[in-house]
C-alpha atoms as a PDB file:
ATOM      1  CA  MET A   1       7.356  -8.892  17.323  1.00  0.00           C
ATOM      2  CA  THR A   2       5.227  -5.889  16.350  1.00  0.00           C
ATOM      3  CA  GLN A   3       1.805  -5.930  17.964  1.00  0.00           C
ATOM      4  CA  TYR A   4      -1.453  -4.336  16.827  1.00  0.00           C
ATOM      5  CA  GLU A   5      -1.368  -1.925  19.747  1.00  0.00           C
ATOM      6  CA  ASP A   6       2.161  -0.818  18.758  1.00  0.00           C
ATOM      7  CA  LEU A   7       1.008   0.022  15.242  1.00  0.00           C
ATOM      8  CA  ARG A   8      -2.087   1.771  16.575  1.00  0.00           C
ATOM      9  CA  HIS A   9       0.032   3.891  18.895  1.00  0.00           C
ATOM     10  CA  VAL A  10       2.470   4.835  16.111  1.00  0.00           C
ATOM     11  CA  SER A  11      -0.311   5.762  13.676  1.00  0.00           C
ATOM     12  CA  ARG A  12      -1.979   8.010  16.289  1.00  0.00           C
ATOM     13  CA  HIS A  13       1.138   9.915  17.286  1.00  0.00           C
ATOM     14  CA  PRO A  14       2.695  11.576  14.222  1.00  0.00           C
ATOM     15  CA  GLU A  15       4.333  14.125  16.516  1.00  0.00           C
ATOM     16  CA  ILE A  16       6.582  11.272  17.697  1.00  0.00           C
ATOM     17  CA  TYR A  17       6.582   8.927  14.686  1.00  0.00           C
ATOM     18  CA  SER A  18       6.612  11.374  11.791  1.00  0.00           C
ATOM     19  CA  SER A  19       6.554  10.412   8.118  1.00  0.00           C
ATOM     20  CA  ALA A  20       7.255  14.018   7.115  1.00  0.00           C
ATOM     21  CA  LEU A  21      10.125  15.013   9.405  1.00  0.00           C
ATOM     22  CA  GLY A  22      12.784  12.922   7.680  1.00  0.00           C
ATOM     23  CA  ALA A  23      10.481  11.391   5.050  1.00  0.00           C
ATOM     24  CA  THR A  24      10.157   7.629   4.725  1.00  0.00           C
ATOM     25  CA  ASN A  25      13.600   6.873   3.270  1.00  0.00           C
ATOM     26  CA  ILE A  26      16.230   5.293   5.490  1.00  0.00           C
ATOM     27  CA  GLU A  27      19.038   7.635   4.462  1.00  0.00           C
ATOM     28  CA  ASP A  28      19.104  11.221   5.692  1.00  0.00           C
ATOM     29  CA  ARG A  29      18.343  13.888   3.075  1.00  0.00           C
ATOM     30  CA  ASP A  30      19.043  17.593   3.019  1.00  0.00           C
ATOM     31  CA  GLU A  31      16.202  20.005   3.693  1.00  0.00           C
ATOM     32  CA  ALA A  32      15.760  20.986   0.027  1.00  0.00           C
ATOM     33  CA  THR A  33      15.343  17.345  -0.979  1.00  0.00           C
ATOM     34  CA  LEU A  34      12.991  16.689   1.933  1.00  0.00           C
ATOM     35  CA  ALA A  35      10.790  19.628   0.918  1.00  0.00           C
ATOM     36  CA  GLY A  36      10.106  17.934  -2.411  1.00  0.00           C
ATOM     37  CA  MET A  37       9.646  14.502  -0.866  1.00  0.00           C
ATOM     38  CA  ARG A  38       7.044  15.843   1.560  1.00  0.00           C
ATOM     39  CA  LEU A  39       4.758  16.640  -1.364  1.00  0.00           C
ATOM     40  CA  ILE A  40       4.267  12.893  -1.874  1.00  0.00           C
ATOM     41  CA  MET A  41       1.452  11.371   0.141  1.00  0.00           C
ATOM     42  CA  ILE A  42       3.516   8.702   1.927  1.00  0.00           C
ATOM     43  CA  ASN A  43       5.769  11.457   3.298  1.00  0.00           C
ATOM     44  CA  MET A  44       2.954  13.473   4.867  1.00  0.00           C
ATOM     45  CA  ASP A  45       1.654  13.699   8.425  1.00  0.00           C
ATOM     46  CA  PRO A  46      -1.895  14.605   9.499  1.00  0.00           C
ATOM     47  CA  PRO A  47      -3.831  16.716   8.780  1.00  0.00           C
ATOM     48  CA  GLN A  48      -2.408  16.975   5.244  1.00  0.00           C
ATOM     49  CA  HIS A  49      -2.184  13.189   4.851  1.00  0.00           C
ATOM     50  CA  VAL A  50      -5.773  12.758   6.047  1.00  0.00           C
ATOM     51  CA  LYS A  51      -7.022  15.278   3.478  1.00  0.00           C
ATOM     52  CA  PHE A  52      -5.256  13.441   0.656  1.00  0.00           C
ATOM     53  CA  ARG A  53      -6.395  10.030   1.860  1.00  0.00           C
ATOM     54  CA  ARG A  54     -10.049  11.039   2.079  1.00  0.00           C
ATOM     55  CA  ILE A  55     -10.020  12.459  -1.440  1.00  0.00           C
ATOM     56  CA  VAL A  56      -8.098   9.544  -2.925  1.00  0.00           C
ATOM     57  CA  GLN A  57     -10.521   7.038  -1.341  1.00  0.00           C
ATOM     58  CA  ARG A  58     -13.190   8.390  -3.682  1.00  0.00           C
ATOM     59  CA  GLY A  59     -11.272   6.917  -6.601  1.00  0.00           C
ATOM     60  CA  PHE A  60     -10.938   3.440  -5.062  1.00  0.00           C
ATOM     61  CA  THR A  61     -14.515   2.506  -4.277  1.00  0.00           C
ATOM     62  CA  PRO A  62     -15.526  -1.194  -4.344  1.00  0.00           C
ATOM     63  CA  GLN A  63     -17.614  -0.450  -7.443  1.00  0.00           C
ATOM     64  CA  MET A  64     -14.616   0.940  -9.315  1.00  0.00           C
ATOM     65  CA  ILE A  65     -12.394  -1.994  -8.361  1.00  0.00           C
ATOM     66  CA  GLN A  66     -15.119  -4.437  -9.382  1.00  0.00           C
ATOM     67  CA  LYS A  67     -15.319  -2.837 -12.824  1.00  0.00           C
ATOM     68  CA  GLN A  68     -11.631  -3.613 -13.313  1.00  0.00           C
ATOM     69  CA  GLU A  69     -11.861  -7.336 -12.530  1.00  0.00           C
ATOM     70  CA  ALA A  70     -12.409  -8.626 -16.088  1.00  0.00           C
ATOM     71  CA  TYR A  71      -9.704  -6.329 -17.445  1.00  0.00           C
ATOM     72  CA  LEU A  72      -7.214  -7.429 -14.756  1.00  0.00           C
ATOM     73  CA  ARG A  73      -7.814 -11.129 -15.397  1.00  0.00           C
ATOM     74  CA  ASP A  74      -7.331 -10.645 -19.117  1.00  0.00           C
ATOM     75  CA  LEU A  75      -4.250  -8.495 -18.552  1.00  0.00           C
ATOM     76  CA  ALA A  76      -2.607 -11.104 -16.314  1.00  0.00           C
ATOM     77  CA  LYS A  77      -3.216 -13.748 -18.986  1.00  0.00           C
ATOM     78  CA  ARG A  78      -1.784 -11.523 -21.733  1.00  0.00           C
ATOM     79  CA  ILE A  79       1.354 -10.907 -19.679  1.00  0.00           C
ATOM     80  CA  VAL A  80       1.984 -14.559 -18.757  1.00  0.00           C
ATOM     81  CA  ASP A  81       1.017 -16.249 -22.045  1.00  0.00           C
ATOM     82  CA  PRO A  82       3.972 -14.995 -24.141  1.00  0.00           C
ATOM     83  CA  VAL A  83       6.448 -15.834 -21.357  1.00  0.00           C
ATOM     84  CA  ALA A  84       5.232 -19.336 -20.450  1.00  0.00           C
ATOM     85  CA  PRO A  85       6.390 -21.113 -23.658  1.00  0.00           C
ATOM     86  CA  ARG A  86       9.907 -19.697 -23.261  1.00  0.00           C
ATOM     87  CA  GLY A  87      10.391 -21.449 -19.941  1.00  0.00           C
ATOM     88  CA  GLU A  88      12.388 -18.519 -18.600  1.00  0.00           C
ATOM     89  CA  ALA A  89      12.032 -14.785 -18.158  1.00  0.00           C
ATOM     90  CA  GLU A  90      13.540 -11.641 -16.763  1.00  0.00           C
ATOM     91  CA  PHE A  91      11.059 -11.899 -13.916  1.00  0.00           C
ATOM     92  CA  VAL A  92      10.892  -8.267 -12.806  1.00  0.00           C
ATOM     93  CA  GLU A  93      10.688  -6.666 -16.229  1.00  0.00           C
ATOM     94  CA  ASP A  94       8.595  -9.335 -17.991  1.00  0.00           C
ATOM     95  CA  LEU A  95       6.172 -10.163 -15.200  1.00  0.00           C
ATOM     96  CA  ALA A  96       6.445  -8.526 -11.787  1.00  0.00           C
ATOM     97  CA  ALA A  97       6.664  -4.909 -12.992  1.00  0.00           C
ATOM     98  CA  GLU A  98       4.491  -5.290 -16.074  1.00  0.00           C
ATOM     99  CA  LEU A  99       1.249  -5.983 -14.215  1.00  0.00           C
ATOM    100  CA  PRO A 100       1.333  -2.962 -11.846  1.00  0.00           C
ATOM    101  CA  LEU A 101       2.620  -0.769 -14.698  1.00  0.00           C
ATOM    102  CA  GLN A 102      -0.340  -1.624 -16.925  1.00  0.00           C
ATOM    103  CA  VAL A 103      -2.878  -1.529 -14.098  1.00  0.00           C
ATOM    104  CA  ILE A 104      -1.768   1.868 -12.779  1.00  0.00           C
ATOM    105  CA  CYS A 105      -1.539   3.380 -16.244  1.00  0.00           C
ATOM    106  CA  GLU A 106      -4.978   2.017 -17.128  1.00  0.00           C
ATOM    107  CA  LEU A 107      -6.473   3.397 -13.913  1.00  0.00           C
ATOM    108  CA  VAL A 108      -5.226   6.946 -14.560  1.00  0.00           C
ATOM    109  CA  GLY A 109      -5.962   6.884 -18.299  1.00  0.00           C
ATOM    110  CA  THR A 110      -2.404   6.860 -19.655  1.00  0.00           C
ATOM    111  CA  PRO A 111      -2.264   6.130 -23.409  1.00  0.00           C
ATOM    112  CA  GLU A 112      -0.630   2.768 -24.176  1.00  0.00           C
ATOM    113  CA  GLU A 113       2.184   4.348 -26.172  1.00  0.00           C
ATOM    114  CA  GLU A 114       3.270   6.308 -23.045  1.00  0.00           C
ATOM    115  CA  ARG A 115       3.410   3.373 -20.637  1.00  0.00           C
ATOM    116  CA  ARG A 116       6.869   1.994 -21.393  1.00  0.00           C
ATOM    117  CA  ARG A 117       8.258   5.526 -21.066  1.00  0.00           C
ATOM    118  CA  ILE A 118       6.689   5.837 -17.610  1.00  0.00           C
ATOM    119  CA  PHE A 119       8.329   2.568 -16.574  1.00  0.00           C
ATOM    120  CA  GLU A 120      11.765   3.774 -17.698  1.00  0.00           C
ATOM    121  CA  ILE A 121      11.445   7.197 -16.052  1.00  0.00           C
ATOM    122  CA  SER A 122      10.178   5.724 -12.795  1.00  0.00           C
ATOM    123  CA  ASN A 123      13.240   3.445 -12.750  1.00  0.00           C
ATOM    124  CA  LYS A 124      15.373   6.577 -12.652  1.00  0.00           C
ATOM    125  CA  MET A 125      13.166   8.188 -10.007  1.00  0.00           C
ATOM    126  CA  ILE A 126      13.651   5.358  -7.524  1.00  0.00           C
ATOM    127  CA  GLY A 127      17.225   4.631  -8.612  1.00  0.00           C
ATOM    128  CA  PHE A 128      18.881   6.943  -6.075  1.00  0.00           C
ATOM    129  CA  ASP A 129      17.408   4.734  -3.366  1.00  0.00           C
ATOM    130  CA  ASP A 130      18.307   1.414  -5.025  1.00  0.00           C
ATOM    131  CA  PRO A 131      21.891   0.433  -5.899  1.00  0.00           C
ATOM    132  CA  GLU A 132      20.629  -1.781  -8.728  1.00  0.00           C
ATOM    133  CA  PHE A 133      19.774   1.269 -10.836  1.00  0.00           C
ATOM    134  CA  ASN A 134      22.991   3.198 -10.178  1.00  0.00           C
ATOM    135  CA  THR A 135      21.499   6.696 -10.384  1.00  0.00           C
ATOM    136  CA  ASN A 136      21.801   9.673  -8.065  1.00  0.00           C
ATOM    137  CA  VAL A 137      19.534  12.189  -6.349  1.00  0.00           C
ATOM    138  CA  GLU A 138      19.899  14.721  -9.184  1.00  0.00           C
ATOM    139  CA  GLU A 139      18.809  12.189 -11.809  1.00  0.00           C
ATOM    140  CA  ALA A 140      15.940  11.105  -9.569  1.00  0.00           C
ATOM    141  CA  GLY A 141      14.835  14.741  -9.305  1.00  0.00           C
ATOM    142  CA  LEU A 142      14.850  15.169 -13.082  1.00  0.00           C
ATOM    143  CA  ALA A 143      12.884  11.930 -13.488  1.00  0.00           C
ATOM    144  CA  SER A 144      10.338  13.106 -10.901  1.00  0.00           C
ATOM    145  CA  ALA A 145       9.923  16.382 -12.792  1.00  0.00           C
ATOM    146  CA  GLU A 146       9.400  14.491 -16.046  1.00  0.00           C
ATOM    147  CA  LEU A 147       6.758  12.257 -14.472  1.00  0.00           C
ATOM    148  CA  ALA A 148       5.068  15.320 -12.971  1.00  0.00           C
ATOM    149  CA  GLY A 149       4.898  16.764 -16.483  1.00  0.00           C
ATOM    150  CA  ILE A 150       3.152  13.618 -17.722  1.00  0.00           C
ATOM    151  CA  ALA A 151       0.739  13.833 -14.788  1.00  0.00           C
ATOM    152  CA  MET A 152      -0.036  17.485 -15.598  1.00  0.00           C
ATOM    153  CA  GLN A 153      -0.884  16.485 -19.165  1.00  0.00           C
ATOM    154  CA  LEU A 154      -3.262  13.828 -17.855  1.00  0.00           C
ATOM    155  CA  ALA A 155      -4.840  16.318 -15.446  1.00  0.00           C
ATOM    156  CA  GLU A 156      -5.282  18.879 -18.209  1.00  0.00           C
ATOM    157  CA  ARG A 157      -6.870  16.284 -20.472  1.00  0.00           C
ATOM    158  CA  TYR A 158      -9.285  14.738 -17.997  1.00  0.00           C
ATOM    159  CA  LYS A 159     -10.225  17.442 -15.486  1.00  0.00           C
ATOM    160  CA  ASN A 160     -13.172  18.594 -17.635  1.00  0.00           C
ATOM    161  CA  GLU A 161     -13.602  15.473 -19.756  1.00  0.00           C
ATOM    162  CA  PRO A 162     -16.013  13.053 -18.059  1.00  0.00           C
ATOM    163  CA  SER A 163     -14.294   9.694 -17.862  1.00  0.00           C
ATOM    164  CA  ASP A 164     -14.395   6.541 -15.790  1.00  0.00           C
ATOM    165  CA  ASN A 165     -10.701   6.749 -14.940  1.00  0.00           C
ATOM    166  CA  LEU A 166      -9.003   7.658 -11.673  1.00  0.00           C
ATOM    167  CA  THR A 167      -7.637  10.990 -12.917  1.00  0.00           C
ATOM    168  CA  TYR A 168     -11.093  12.407 -13.629  1.00  0.00           C
ATOM    169  CA  LYS A 169     -12.538  11.011 -10.393  1.00  0.00           C
ATOM    170  CA  LEU A 170      -9.737  12.390  -8.212  1.00  0.00           C
ATOM    171  CA  LEU A 171      -9.745  15.840  -9.777  1.00  0.00           C
ATOM    172  CA  ASN A 172     -13.499  16.085  -9.340  1.00  0.00           C
ATOM    173  CA  ALA A 173     -13.874  14.415  -5.931  1.00  0.00           C
ATOM    174  CA  GLU A 174     -14.790  16.805  -3.131  1.00  0.00           C
ATOM    175  CA  VAL A 175     -14.445  16.237   0.615  1.00  0.00           C
ATOM    176  CA  ASP A 176     -15.538  18.961   3.040  1.00  0.00           C
ATOM    177  CA  GLY A 177     -15.501  21.480   0.196  1.00  0.00           C
ATOM    178  CA  GLU A 178     -11.911  20.647  -0.835  1.00  0.00           C
ATOM    179  CA  ARG A 179     -10.645  19.168  -4.070  1.00  0.00           C
ATOM    180  CA  LEU A 180      -7.294  17.845  -5.177  1.00  0.00           C
ATOM    181  CA  MET A 181      -5.422  20.562  -7.045  1.00  0.00           C
ATOM    182  CA  GLU A 182      -3.660  19.619 -10.281  1.00  0.00           C
ATOM    183  CA  ALA A 183      -0.229  20.015  -8.686  1.00  0.00           C
ATOM    184  CA  GLU A 184      -1.319  17.765  -5.808  1.00  0.00           C
ATOM    185  CA  PHE A 185      -2.534  15.183  -8.305  1.00  0.00           C
ATOM    186  CA  CYS A 186       0.956  15.216  -9.846  1.00  0.00           C
ATOM    187  CA  TRP A 187       2.529  14.236  -6.548  1.00  0.00           C
ATOM    188  CA  PHE A 188      -0.053  11.497  -6.082  1.00  0.00           C
ATOM    189  CA  PHE A 189       0.869  10.257  -9.561  1.00  0.00           C
ATOM    190  CA  LEU A 190       4.500   9.992  -8.421  1.00  0.00           C
ATOM    191  CA  THR A 191       3.355   7.816  -5.509  1.00  0.00           C
ATOM    192  CA  LEU A 192       1.620   5.516  -7.980  1.00  0.00           C
ATOM    193  CA  ALA A 193       4.742   5.452 -10.151  1.00  0.00           C
ATOM    194  CA  ARG A 194       6.771   4.173  -7.182  1.00  0.00           C
ATOM    195  CA  MET A 195       4.246   1.375  -6.722  1.00  0.00           C
ATOM    196  CA  ILE A 196       5.147   0.011 -10.158  1.00  0.00           C
ATOM    197  CA  HIS A 197       8.429  -1.114  -8.609  1.00  0.00           C
ATOM    198  CA  GLU A 198       7.682  -1.398  -4.917  1.00  0.00           C
ATOM    199  CA  GLY A 199       4.154  -2.737  -4.808  1.00  0.00           C
ATOM    200  CA  PRO A 200       1.203  -1.148  -2.962  1.00  0.00           C
END
């Protein structure tokens, strides 16, 4: 059984228990693939991970989460209501993936007409790591690049346009004189896209 002290020790010794060295996937990857994977927050070690985490925290304040409560309750109802009378559903696509998809896209300010496309592309991005999707590393790389392009469009739109969404807050948050660069925001966006399928 894993104990609190075990987890504390692991989290304080990235030189031994590295998230970046081989990334967080089980399978071994070549160095070129790992270089790209290390740009995603979950595949970083301190101090880079700490910098990202401190900036990203500015977008997830209790006040911001509280503002989303009414929207989230209504969204959950809108997702379940059409499914309930049918008595059956494709659980992942109709319910389990739909809620995080809509929540994440709403948080970053993605237009509604783009959301289904993000779901389909993110399927391809994680597919190389999941036999259910039957894709390969090359296809996952192309999907990642396409999602990064969508993220760049969001960054370009919101970086100077005051908004209550996460994109604007992250691009304008400052910690110790540092801000998230647009390219860094793109890689954070890819982390969010994985959460559509994997959960937070």
